[in-house]
């Protein structure tokens, strides 16, 4: 049983932390500072913080790991290994050197593909048919460390960033439990990443706004990649309209990007190439509705031209 420090923040990191707790002694948990949100902008703890407090684990929330004070504190914990999963802060070289067995990162992509902060959304946006989890020994680069193990996972046509993230987090937890004992025992050695790297970037809120001049397939990928955040949205009657479920259809021109047309009992939006058939919509201030029910309440939706 190794002495381990865990570093993570969002829901993706929770199964990894729980797996680590079941097999090793966690001497400290690092997570991002609480974020202001909700009514009254109350401070909301990260999912990892909730687990750490529930288990009574030593909890640390520095705004940065740079500086001697954080390095000294980490040294006092004397971890044999650090496990990192979607932490959200860079680990400077002096931190990487503290654990005697190094820092391992559970990264939700098939590295070197989709390095960076948005690998799950990045795989969907790229139209990849599969993704996976990589367990790497961290170095000073951005997800450039040598590989200890990889596990592949197909991406289904209905997978969103939410559903895919849930699958990958549990896959990563299982992979960590399988590989960590072998690594600590000297039976598993890291090897350099192979292949052409690609990089993702942080997704901005405004990227969720639908540009109907794009092909329907590209918009469909955005609907899935941006669920639940920032969401895929347009506007109707001056109110934000979220597109929660959709599918691209091949339709010959002429097409007017943004124009809503009837599709049987449902509806779709004409795009720069094809039609995006709508299945579930949510008008601002209302609950999500299947398209047939939405149309019964919004009879002038058919024929409307949605803005890009």
C-alpha atoms as a PDB file:
ATOM      1  CA  UNK A   1       0.000   0.000   0.000  1.00  0.00           C
ATOM      2  CA  UNK A   2       1.648   3.185  -1.231  1.00  0.00           C
ATOM      3  CA  UNK A   3       1.476   6.633   0.318  1.00  0.00           C
ATOM      4  CA  UNK A   4      -0.229   8.738  -2.348  1.00  0.00           C
ATOM      5  CA  UNK A   5      -1.248  12.319  -2.953  1.00  0.00           C
ATOM      6  CA  UNK A   6      -4.214  12.937  -5.244  1.00  0.00           C
ATOM      7  CA  UNK A   7      -4.745  16.026  -7.385  1.00  0.00           C
ATOM      8  CA  UNK A   8      -8.042  16.551  -9.198  1.00  0.00           C
ATOM      9  CA  UNK A   9     -11.093  18.786  -9.383  1.00  0.00           C
ATOM     10  CA  UNK A  10     -14.192  17.885 -11.505  1.00  0.00           C
ATOM     11  CA  UNK A  11     -16.533  14.898 -11.637  1.00  0.00           C
ATOM     12  CA  UNK A  12     -14.133  13.071 -13.962  1.00  0.00           C
ATOM     13  CA  UNK A  13     -11.605  12.830 -11.121  1.00  0.00           C
ATOM     14  CA  UNK A  14     -13.970  11.341  -8.528  1.00  0.00           C
ATOM     15  CA  UNK A  15     -13.909   7.656  -9.617  1.00  0.00           C
ATOM     16  CA  UNK A  16     -10.106   7.847  -9.860  1.00  0.00           C
ATOM     17  CA  UNK A  17      -9.868   9.193  -6.300  1.00  0.00           C
ATOM     18  CA  UNK A  18     -12.306   6.595  -4.999  1.00  0.00           C
ATOM     19  CA  UNK A  19     -10.319   3.798  -6.649  1.00  0.00           C
ATOM     20  CA  UNK A  20      -7.096   5.124  -5.123  1.00  0.00           C
ATOM     21  CA  UNK A  21      -8.715   5.294  -1.684  1.00  0.00           C
ATOM     22  CA  UNK A  22      -9.679   1.638  -1.907  1.00  0.00           C
ATOM     23  CA  UNK A  23      -6.156   0.414  -2.595  1.00  0.00           C
ATOM     24  CA  UNK A  24      -3.649   2.908  -1.184  1.00  0.00           C
ATOM     25  CA  UNK A  25      -3.214   5.365   1.664  1.00  0.00           C
ATOM     26  CA  UNK A  26      -4.072   8.868   0.469  1.00  0.00           C
ATOM     27  CA  UNK A  27      -2.134  11.327   2.635  1.00  0.00           C
ATOM     28  CA  UNK A  28      -3.405  14.478   0.935  1.00  0.00           C
ATOM     29  CA  UNK A  29      -5.869  15.742  -1.656  1.00  0.00           C
ATOM     30  CA  UNK A  30      -5.283  18.819  -3.783  1.00  0.00           C
ATOM     31  CA  UNK A  31      -8.164  20.470  -5.637  1.00  0.00           C
ATOM     32  CA  UNK A  32      -8.941  23.870  -7.140  1.00  0.00           C
ATOM     33  CA  UNK A  33     -10.288  26.649  -4.889  1.00  0.00           C
ATOM     34  CA  UNK A  34     -14.076  26.836  -4.556  1.00  0.00           C
ATOM     35  CA  UNK A  35     -15.808  28.664  -7.410  1.00  0.00           C
ATOM     36  CA  UNK A  36     -18.474  31.312  -6.975  1.00  0.00           C
ATOM     37  CA  UNK A  37     -21.754  30.294  -8.604  1.00  0.00           C
ATOM     38  CA  UNK A  38     -25.470  29.792  -8.151  1.00  0.00           C
ATOM     39  CA  UNK A  39     -27.792  32.197  -6.400  1.00  0.00           C
ATOM     40  CA  UNK A  40     -25.961  34.821  -4.423  1.00  0.00           C
ATOM     41  CA  UNK A  41     -22.701  33.599  -5.979  1.00  0.00           C
ATOM     42  CA  UNK A  42     -22.119  31.202  -3.091  1.00  0.00           C
ATOM     43  CA  UNK A  43     -18.826  29.340  -3.158  1.00  0.00           C
ATOM     44  CA  UNK A  44     -19.302  25.844  -4.577  1.00  0.00           C
ATOM     45  CA  UNK A  45     -16.865  23.078  -3.586  1.00  0.00           C
ATOM     46  CA  UNK A  46     -15.412  20.888  -6.307  1.00  0.00           C
ATOM     47  CA  UNK A  47     -16.651  17.272  -6.544  1.00  0.00           C
ATOM     48  CA  UNK A  48     -13.221  16.115  -5.371  1.00  0.00           C
ATOM     49  CA  UNK A  49     -13.396  18.375  -2.310  1.00  0.00           C
ATOM     50  CA  UNK A  50     -16.746  16.850  -1.383  1.00  0.00           C
ATOM     51  CA  UNK A  51     -15.227  13.350  -1.399  1.00  0.00           C
ATOM     52  CA  UNK A  52     -12.126  14.448   0.503  1.00  0.00           C
ATOM     53  CA  UNK A  53     -14.219  16.072   3.237  1.00  0.00           C
ATOM     54  CA  UNK A  54     -16.509  13.051   3.436  1.00  0.00           C
ATOM     55  CA  UNK A  55     -13.492  10.777   3.949  1.00  0.00           C
ATOM     56  CA  UNK A  56     -11.759  13.141   6.357  1.00  0.00           C
ATOM     57  CA  UNK A  57      -8.667  13.501   4.149  1.00  0.00           C
ATOM     58  CA  UNK A  58      -6.139  16.329   4.468  1.00  0.00           C
ATOM     59  CA  UNK A  59      -7.320  18.887   1.891  1.00  0.00           C
ATOM     60  CA  UNK A  60      -5.353  21.623   0.141  1.00  0.00           C
ATOM     61  CA  UNK A  61      -6.682  24.261  -2.275  1.00  0.00           C
ATOM     62  CA  UNK A  62      -3.789  26.473  -3.379  1.00  0.00           C
ATOM     63  CA  UNK A  63      -4.338  28.903  -6.223  1.00  0.00           C
ATOM     64  CA  UNK A  64      -0.926  27.929  -7.564  1.00  0.00           C
ATOM     65  CA  UNK A  65       1.687  25.275  -6.885  1.00  0.00           C
ATOM     66  CA  UNK A  66       4.513  27.658  -7.661  1.00  0.00           C
ATOM     67  CA  UNK A  67       6.595  28.846  -4.745  1.00  0.00           C
ATOM     68  CA  UNK A  68       8.589  27.221  -1.986  1.00  0.00           C
ATOM     69  CA  UNK A  69       5.759  27.053   0.546  1.00  0.00           C
ATOM     70  CA  UNK A  70       3.712  24.555  -1.485  1.00  0.00           C
ATOM     71  CA  UNK A  71       6.762  22.425  -2.228  1.00  0.00           C
ATOM     72  CA  UNK A  72       7.656  22.282   1.477  1.00  0.00           C
ATOM     73  CA  UNK A  73       4.110  21.257   2.386  1.00  0.00           C
ATOM     74  CA  UNK A  74       4.091  18.522  -0.235  1.00  0.00           C
ATOM     75  CA  UNK A  75       7.447  17.228   0.996  1.00  0.00           C
ATOM     76  CA  UNK A  76       6.074  17.034   4.529  1.00  0.00           C
ATOM     77  CA  UNK A  77       3.371  14.664   3.272  1.00  0.00           C
ATOM     78  CA  UNK A  78       6.180  12.389   1.963  1.00  0.00           C
ATOM     79  CA  UNK A  79       4.165  10.774  -0.843  1.00  0.00           C
ATOM     80  CA  UNK A  80       5.583   7.869  -2.765  1.00  0.00           C
ATOM     81  CA  UNK A  81       3.443   8.782  -5.774  1.00  0.00           C
ATOM     82  CA  UNK A  82       1.096  11.559  -6.885  1.00  0.00           C
ATOM     83  CA  UNK A  83      -1.946  10.736  -9.013  1.00  0.00           C
ATOM     84  CA  UNK A  84      -3.345  13.583 -11.124  1.00  0.00           C
ATOM     85  CA  UNK A  85      -6.730  13.581 -12.887  1.00  0.00           C
ATOM     86  CA  UNK A  86      -8.115  16.803 -14.398  1.00  0.00           C
ATOM     87  CA  UNK A  87      -6.577  18.956 -11.664  1.00  0.00           C
ATOM     88  CA  UNK A  88      -6.550  22.194 -13.630  1.00  0.00           C
ATOM     89  CA  UNK A  89      -3.233  23.576 -12.361  1.00  0.00           C
ATOM     90  CA  UNK A  90       0.217  23.137 -13.855  1.00  0.00           C
ATOM     91  CA  UNK A  91       2.703  21.153 -11.787  1.00  0.00           C
ATOM     92  CA  UNK A  92       6.057  22.978 -11.773  1.00  0.00           C
ATOM     93  CA  UNK A  93       9.281  20.927 -11.974  1.00  0.00           C
ATOM     94  CA  UNK A  94       9.980  21.192  -8.241  1.00  0.00           C
ATOM     95  CA  UNK A  95       6.568  19.631  -7.491  1.00  0.00           C
ATOM     96  CA  UNK A  96       7.038  16.852 -10.059  1.00  0.00           C
ATOM     97  CA  UNK A  97      10.258  15.856  -8.278  1.00  0.00           C
ATOM     98  CA  UNK A  98       8.766  15.486  -4.780  1.00  0.00           C
ATOM     99  CA  UNK A  99       7.080  12.035  -4.976  1.00  0.00           C
ATOM    100  CA  UNK A 100       9.763   9.338  -4.994  1.00  0.00           C
ATOM    101  CA  UNK A 101       7.955   7.409  -7.769  1.00  0.00           C
ATOM    102  CA  UNK A 102       6.888  10.515  -9.672  1.00  0.00           C
ATOM    103  CA  UNK A 103       3.526  11.939 -10.689  1.00  0.00           C
ATOM    104  CA  UNK A 104       1.085   9.882 -12.762  1.00  0.00           C
ATOM    105  CA  UNK A 105      -1.600  11.520 -14.874  1.00  0.00           C
ATOM    106  CA  UNK A 106      -4.878   9.864 -15.880  1.00  0.00           C
ATOM    107  CA  UNK A 107      -5.604  11.630 -19.187  1.00  0.00           C
ATOM    108  CA  UNK A 108      -8.869  10.987 -21.119  1.00  0.00           C
ATOM    109  CA  UNK A 109      -7.500  10.559 -24.633  1.00  0.00           C
ATOM    110  CA  UNK A 110      -5.243   8.272 -26.642  1.00  0.00           C
ATOM    111  CA  UNK A 111      -2.082  10.320 -26.267  1.00  0.00           C
ATOM    112  CA  UNK A 112      -0.394  11.912 -28.090  1.00  0.00           C
ATOM    113  CA  UNK A 113      -3.782  12.709 -29.680  1.00  0.00           C
ATOM    114  CA  UNK A 114      -5.768  15.444 -27.929  1.00  0.00           C
ATOM    115  CA  UNK A 115      -3.243  16.764 -25.475  1.00  0.00           C
ATOM    116  CA  UNK A 116      -4.339  19.770 -23.461  1.00  0.00           C
ATOM    117  CA  UNK A 117      -7.372  20.855 -21.413  1.00  0.00           C
ATOM    118  CA  UNK A 118     -10.357  19.635 -23.494  1.00  0.00           C
ATOM    119  CA  UNK A 119      -9.578  16.090 -24.694  1.00  0.00           C
ATOM    120  CA  UNK A 120     -13.105  14.676 -24.306  1.00  0.00           C
ATOM    121  CA  UNK A 121     -14.841  17.446 -26.230  1.00  0.00           C
ATOM    122  CA  UNK A 122     -11.904  17.482 -28.637  1.00  0.00           C
ATOM    123  CA  UNK A 123     -12.393  13.842 -29.610  1.00  0.00           C
ATOM    124  CA  UNK A 124     -16.096  14.421 -30.346  1.00  0.00           C
ATOM    125  CA  UNK A 125     -15.475  17.645 -32.275  1.00  0.00           C
ATOM    126  CA  UNK A 126     -12.892  15.852 -34.411  1.00  0.00           C
ATOM    127  CA  UNK A 127     -15.418  13.151 -35.292  1.00  0.00           C
ATOM    128  CA  UNK A 128     -13.194  10.433 -33.832  1.00  0.00           C
ATOM    129  CA  UNK A 129     -14.683   6.949 -33.736  1.00  0.00           C
ATOM    130  CA  UNK A 130     -12.738   6.003 -30.623  1.00  0.00           C
ATOM    131  CA  UNK A 131     -10.927   7.573 -27.717  1.00  0.00           C
ATOM    132  CA  UNK A 132      -9.572   6.186 -24.485  1.00  0.00           C
ATOM    133  CA  UNK A 133      -7.512   6.778 -21.370  1.00  0.00           C
ATOM    134  CA  UNK A 134      -3.757   7.175 -21.111  1.00  0.00           C
ATOM    135  CA  UNK A 135      -1.771   6.738 -17.915  1.00  0.00           C
ATOM    136  CA  UNK A 136       1.478   8.684 -18.175  1.00  0.00           C
ATOM    137  CA  UNK A 137       4.456   9.546 -16.005  1.00  0.00           C
ATOM    138  CA  UNK A 138       4.342  13.336 -15.999  1.00  0.00           C
ATOM    139  CA  UNK A 139       7.194  15.501 -17.177  1.00  0.00           C
ATOM    140  CA  UNK A 140       7.471  19.259 -17.628  1.00  0.00           C
ATOM    141  CA  UNK A 141       5.616  19.288 -20.973  1.00  0.00           C
ATOM    142  CA  UNK A 142       1.886  19.471 -21.673  1.00  0.00           C
ATOM    143  CA  UNK A 143       0.783  15.812 -21.553  1.00  0.00           C
ATOM    144  CA  UNK A 144       4.090  14.780 -23.117  1.00  0.00           C
ATOM    145  CA  UNK A 145       5.267  12.279 -20.498  1.00  0.00           C
ATOM    146  CA  UNK A 146       5.994   8.622 -21.312  1.00  0.00           C
ATOM    147  CA  UNK A 147       3.138   6.120 -21.363  1.00  0.00           C
ATOM    148  CA  UNK A 148       2.550   3.446 -18.770  1.00  0.00           C
ATOM    149  CA  UNK A 149      -0.698   2.144 -20.280  1.00  0.00           C
ATOM    150  CA  UNK A 150      -3.605   2.962 -22.602  1.00  0.00           C
ATOM    151  CA  UNK A 151      -7.140   1.632 -22.852  1.00  0.00           C
ATOM    152  CA  UNK A 152      -9.370   2.262 -25.884  1.00  0.00           C
ATOM    153  CA  UNK A 153     -13.085   3.097 -25.896  1.00  0.00           C
ATOM    154  CA  UNK A 154     -15.432   3.487 -28.899  1.00  0.00           C
ATOM    155  CA  UNK A 155     -17.376   6.748 -29.208  1.00  0.00           C
ATOM    156  CA  UNK A 156     -21.065   6.086 -29.828  1.00  0.00           C
ATOM    157  CA  UNK A 157     -23.184   8.325 -32.091  1.00  0.00           C
ATOM    158  CA  UNK A 158     -25.195   9.511 -29.093  1.00  0.00           C
ATOM    159  CA  UNK A 159     -22.227  10.096 -26.781  1.00  0.00           C
ATOM    160  CA  UNK A 160     -21.893  13.588 -25.362  1.00  0.00           C
ATOM    161  CA  UNK A 161     -19.007  15.087 -23.415  1.00  0.00           C
ATOM    162  CA  UNK A 162     -20.967  14.190 -20.281  1.00  0.00           C
ATOM    163  CA  UNK A 163     -21.675  10.553 -21.092  1.00  0.00           C
ATOM    164  CA  UNK A 164     -18.235   9.965 -22.595  1.00  0.00           C
ATOM    165  CA  UNK A 165     -16.559  11.588 -19.607  1.00  0.00           C
ATOM    166  CA  UNK A 166     -18.396   9.281 -17.233  1.00  0.00           C
ATOM    167  CA  UNK A 167     -17.283   6.217 -19.175  1.00  0.00           C
ATOM    168  CA  UNK A 168     -13.693   7.415 -19.397  1.00  0.00           C
ATOM    169  CA  UNK A 169     -13.457   8.273 -15.711  1.00  0.00           C
ATOM    170  CA  UNK A 170     -14.411   4.738 -14.674  1.00  0.00           C
ATOM    171  CA  UNK A 171     -12.106   3.307 -17.328  1.00  0.00           C
ATOM    172  CA  UNK A 172      -9.275   5.450 -15.988  1.00  0.00           C
ATOM    173  CA  UNK A 173      -9.947   4.326 -12.425  1.00  0.00           C
ATOM    174  CA  UNK A 174      -9.749   0.669 -13.438  1.00  0.00           C
ATOM    175  CA  UNK A 175      -6.595   1.253 -15.463  1.00  0.00           C
ATOM    176  CA  UNK A 176      -4.909   2.990 -12.529  1.00  0.00           C
ATOM    177  CA  UNK A 177      -5.694   0.110 -10.160  1.00  0.00           C
ATOM    178  CA  UNK A 178      -4.290  -2.406 -12.645  1.00  0.00           C
ATOM    179  CA  UNK A 179      -1.091  -0.551 -13.511  1.00  0.00           C
ATOM    180  CA  UNK A 180      -0.073   1.302 -10.332  1.00  0.00           C
ATOM    181  CA  UNK A 181       0.983  -1.795  -8.330  1.00  0.00           C
ATOM    182  CA  UNK A 182       3.065  -3.063 -11.255  1.00  0.00           C
ATOM    183  CA  UNK A 183       4.670   0.335 -11.730  1.00  0.00           C
ATOM    184  CA  UNK A 184       5.524   0.739  -8.054  1.00  0.00           C
ATOM    185  CA  UNK A 185       6.918  -2.802  -8.024  1.00  0.00           C
ATOM    186  CA  UNK A 186       9.186  -2.082 -10.985  1.00  0.00           C
ATOM    187  CA  UNK A 187       7.317  -4.469 -13.297  1.00  0.00           C
ATOM    188  CA  UNK A 188       5.924  -1.769 -15.611  1.00  0.00           C
ATOM    189  CA  UNK A 189       8.162   0.773 -17.293  1.00  0.00           C
ATOM    190  CA  UNK A 190       7.027   3.893 -19.155  1.00  0.00           C
ATOM    191  CA  UNK A 191       7.738   4.212 -22.864  1.00  0.00           C
ATOM    192  CA  UNK A 192       7.731   7.311 -25.134  1.00  0.00           C
ATOM    193  CA  UNK A 193       4.468   8.335 -26.776  1.00  0.00           C
ATOM    194  CA  UNK A 194       4.238   7.317 -30.424  1.00  0.00           C
ATOM    195  CA  UNK A 195       2.540   9.188 -33.256  1.00  0.00           C
ATOM    196  CA  UNK A 196       1.742  12.720 -34.354  1.00  0.00           C
ATOM    197  CA  UNK A 197       0.515  14.858 -31.449  1.00  0.00           C
ATOM    198  CA  UNK A 198      -2.566  17.057 -31.575  1.00  0.00           C
ATOM    199  CA  UNK A 199      -3.663  19.675 -29.072  1.00  0.00           C
ATOM    200  CA  UNK A 200      -6.919  20.946 -27.596  1.00  0.00           C
ATOM    201  CA  UNK A 201      -7.614  24.302 -25.976  1.00  0.00           C
ATOM    202  CA  UNK A 202     -10.009  25.622 -23.386  1.00  0.00           C
ATOM    203  CA  UNK A 203     -13.551  25.937 -24.754  1.00  0.00           C
ATOM    204  CA  UNK A 204     -15.117  29.381 -24.496  1.00  0.00           C
ATOM    205  CA  UNK A 205     -18.753  29.947 -23.588  1.00  0.00           C
ATOM    206  CA  UNK A 206     -19.526  31.786 -26.820  1.00  0.00           C
ATOM    207  CA  UNK A 207     -18.465  28.790 -28.906  1.00  0.00           C
ATOM    208  CA  UNK A 208     -21.782  27.153 -28.070  1.00  0.00           C
ATOM    209  CA  UNK A 209     -23.705  29.576 -30.308  1.00  0.00           C
ATOM    210  CA  UNK A 210     -24.821  27.775 -33.458  1.00  0.00           C
ATOM    211  CA  UNK A 211     -23.536  29.029 -36.798  1.00  0.00           C
ATOM    212  CA  UNK A 212     -26.078  27.638 -39.243  1.00  0.00           C
ATOM    213  CA  UNK A 213     -23.739  28.243 -42.172  1.00  0.00           C
ATOM    214  CA  UNK A 214     -21.647  25.296 -40.999  1.00  0.00           C
ATOM    215  CA  UNK A 215     -22.470  21.770 -42.223  1.00  0.00           C
ATOM    216  CA  UNK A 216     -25.138  19.907 -40.277  1.00  0.00           C
ATOM    217  CA  UNK A 217     -22.621  17.247 -39.265  1.00  0.00           C
ATOM    218  CA  UNK A 218     -20.293  19.831 -37.704  1.00  0.00           C
ATOM    219  CA  UNK A 219     -23.196  21.289 -35.746  1.00  0.00           C
ATOM    220  CA  UNK A 220     -24.229  17.819 -34.573  1.00  0.00           C
ATOM    221  CA  UNK A 221     -20.719  17.238 -33.239  1.00  0.00           C
ATOM    222  CA  UNK A 222     -20.914  20.553 -31.388  1.00  0.00           C
ATOM    223  CA  UNK A 223     -24.260  19.672 -29.822  1.00  0.00           C
ATOM    224  CA  UNK A 224     -22.655  16.555 -28.359  1.00  0.00           C
ATOM    225  CA  UNK A 225     -19.236  18.004 -27.513  1.00  0.00           C
ATOM    226  CA  UNK A 226     -20.697  21.040 -25.727  1.00  0.00           C
ATOM    227  CA  UNK A 227     -23.123  19.104 -23.517  1.00  0.00           C
ATOM    228  CA  UNK A 228     -23.476  19.989 -20.706  1.00  0.00           C
ATOM    229  CA  UNK A 229     -21.212  23.072 -21.012  1.00  0.00           C
ATOM    230  CA  UNK A 230     -21.347  25.536 -22.631  1.00  0.00           C
ATOM    231  CA  UNK A 231     -24.323  23.977 -24.418  1.00  0.00           C
ATOM    232  CA  UNK A 232     -25.290  24.380 -28.063  1.00  0.00           C
ATOM    233  CA  UNK A 233     -27.668  27.322 -28.382  1.00  0.00           C
ATOM    234  CA  UNK A 234     -29.397  29.728 -30.704  1.00  0.00           C
ATOM    235  CA  UNK A 235     -32.215  32.214 -30.081  1.00  0.00           C
ATOM    236  CA  UNK A 236     -35.926  32.271 -30.838  1.00  0.00           C
ATOM    237  CA  UNK A 237     -38.209  35.224 -30.129  1.00  0.00           C
ATOM    238  CA  UNK A 238     -35.383  36.932 -28.281  1.00  0.00           C
ATOM    239  CA  UNK A 239     -34.863  34.030 -25.877  1.00  0.00           C
ATOM    240  CA  UNK A 240     -32.023  31.549 -25.745  1.00  0.00           C
ATOM    241  CA  UNK A 241     -32.923  28.181 -27.237  1.00  0.00           C
ATOM    242  CA  UNK A 242     -30.716  25.222 -26.342  1.00  0.00           C
ATOM    243  CA  UNK A 243     -30.374  22.297 -28.729  1.00  0.00           C
ATOM    244  CA  UNK A 244     -29.983  19.229 -26.518  1.00  0.00           C
ATOM    245  CA  UNK A 245     -30.376  16.410 -29.043  1.00  0.00           C
ATOM    246  CA  UNK A 246     -30.125  16.460 -32.826  1.00  0.00           C
ATOM    247  CA  UNK A 247     -28.887  14.496 -35.833  1.00  0.00           C
ATOM    248  CA  UNK A 248     -27.616  15.534 -39.293  1.00  0.00           C
ATOM    249  CA  UNK A 249     -29.622  14.703 -42.414  1.00  0.00           C
ATOM    250  CA  UNK A 250     -28.463  14.915 -46.011  1.00  0.00           C
ATOM    251  CA  UNK A 251     -30.842  17.201 -47.913  1.00  0.00           C
ATOM    252  CA  UNK A 252     -30.136  18.633 -51.367  1.00  0.00           C
ATOM    253  CA  UNK A 253     -30.013  22.418 -51.897  1.00  0.00           C
ATOM    254  CA  UNK A 254     -31.363  25.023 -52.092  1.00  0.00           C
ATOM    255  CA  UNK A 255     -30.998  25.646 -48.356  1.00  0.00           C
ATOM    256  CA  UNK A 256     -31.336  28.793 -46.274  1.00  0.00           C
ATOM    257  CA  UNK A 257     -29.012  28.517 -43.256  1.00  0.00           C
ATOM    258  CA  UNK A 258     -31.049  28.923 -40.080  1.00  0.00           C
ATOM    259  CA  UNK A 259     -34.476  28.315 -41.644  1.00  0.00           C
ATOM    260  CA  UNK A 260     -36.649  25.839 -39.728  1.00  0.00           C
ATOM    261  CA  UNK A 261     -38.477  23.294 -41.870  1.00  0.00           C
ATOM    262  CA  UNK A 262     -40.952  20.567 -41.052  1.00  0.00           C
ATOM    263  CA  UNK A 263     -39.653  16.986 -40.996  1.00  0.00           C
ATOM    264  CA  UNK A 264     -42.657  14.718 -40.614  1.00  0.00           C
ATOM    265  CA  UNK A 265     -44.093  15.479 -37.169  1.00  0.00           C
ATOM    266  CA  UNK A 266     -40.808  17.090 -36.163  1.00  0.00           C
ATOM    267  CA  UNK A 267     -38.521  19.833 -37.436  1.00  0.00           C
ATOM    268  CA  UNK A 268     -34.997  20.550 -38.566  1.00  0.00           C
ATOM    269  CA  UNK A 269     -32.828  23.553 -39.309  1.00  0.00           C
ATOM    270  CA  UNK A 270     -31.308  24.107 -42.738  1.00  0.00           C
ATOM    271  CA  UNK A 271     -27.546  24.586 -42.617  1.00  0.00           C
ATOM    272  CA  UNK A 272     -24.667  25.269 -44.972  1.00  0.00           C
ATOM    273  CA  UNK A 273     -24.782  21.590 -45.888  1.00  0.00           C
ATOM    274  CA  UNK A 274     -27.770  19.404 -45.011  1.00  0.00           C
ATOM    275  CA  UNK A 275     -30.386  19.750 -42.278  1.00  0.00           C
ATOM    276  CA  UNK A 276     -29.900  19.360 -38.546  1.00  0.00           C
ATOM    277  CA  UNK A 277     -32.926  17.390 -37.345  1.00  0.00           C
ATOM    278  CA  UNK A 278     -33.987  18.514 -33.864  1.00  0.00           C
ATOM    279  CA  UNK A 279     -35.040  16.023 -31.203  1.00  0.00           C
ATOM    280  CA  UNK A 280     -34.937  17.874 -27.850  1.00  0.00           C
ATOM    281  CA  UNK A 281     -35.014  21.635 -27.239  1.00  0.00           C
ATOM    282  CA  UNK A 282     -35.050  23.857 -24.176  1.00  0.00           C
ATOM    283  CA  UNK A 283     -36.319  27.412 -24.353  1.00  0.00           C
ATOM    284  CA  UNK A 284     -34.844  29.774 -21.761  1.00  0.00           C
ATOM    285  CA  UNK A 285     -36.762  29.473 -18.495  1.00  0.00           C
ATOM    286  CA  UNK A 286     -38.546  26.293 -19.562  1.00  0.00           C
ATOM    287  CA  UNK A 287     -37.914  22.574 -19.178  1.00  0.00           C
ATOM    288  CA  UNK A 288     -36.441  20.451 -21.999  1.00  0.00           C
ATOM    289  CA  UNK A 289     -39.085  19.247 -24.473  1.00  0.00           C
ATOM    290  CA  UNK A 290     -39.228  16.659 -27.262  1.00  0.00           C
ATOM    291  CA  UNK A 291     -39.582  18.430 -30.599  1.00  0.00           C
ATOM    292  CA  UNK A 292     -43.215  17.343 -31.128  1.00  0.00           C
ATOM    293  CA  UNK A 293     -44.236  18.868 -27.789  1.00  0.00           C
ATOM    294  CA  UNK A 294     -42.158  21.979 -28.426  1.00  0.00           C
ATOM    295  CA  UNK A 295     -43.918  22.520 -31.762  1.00  0.00           C
ATOM    296  CA  UNK A 296     -47.348  22.281 -30.158  1.00  0.00           C
ATOM    297  CA  UNK A 297     -46.442  25.231 -27.937  1.00  0.00           C
ATOM    298  CA  UNK A 298     -44.541  27.190 -30.583  1.00  0.00           C
ATOM    299  CA  UNK A 299     -46.589  26.905 -33.764  1.00  0.00           C
ATOM    300  CA  UNK A 300     -44.656  29.675 -35.515  1.00  0.00           C
ATOM    301  CA  UNK A 301     -41.347  27.843 -35.096  1.00  0.00           C
ATOM    302  CA  UNK A 302     -41.700  26.165 -38.507  1.00  0.00           C
ATOM    303  CA  UNK A 303     -40.630  28.722 -41.085  1.00  0.00           C
ATOM    304  CA  UNK A 304     -38.674  30.877 -38.645  1.00  0.00           C
ATOM    305  CA  UNK A 305     -35.101  31.798 -39.544  1.00  0.00           C
ATOM    306  CA  UNK A 306     -32.806  31.351 -36.546  1.00  0.00           C
ATOM    307  CA  UNK A 307     -29.847  33.742 -36.253  1.00  0.00           C
ATOM    308  CA  UNK A 308     -26.232  32.675 -36.724  1.00  0.00           C
END
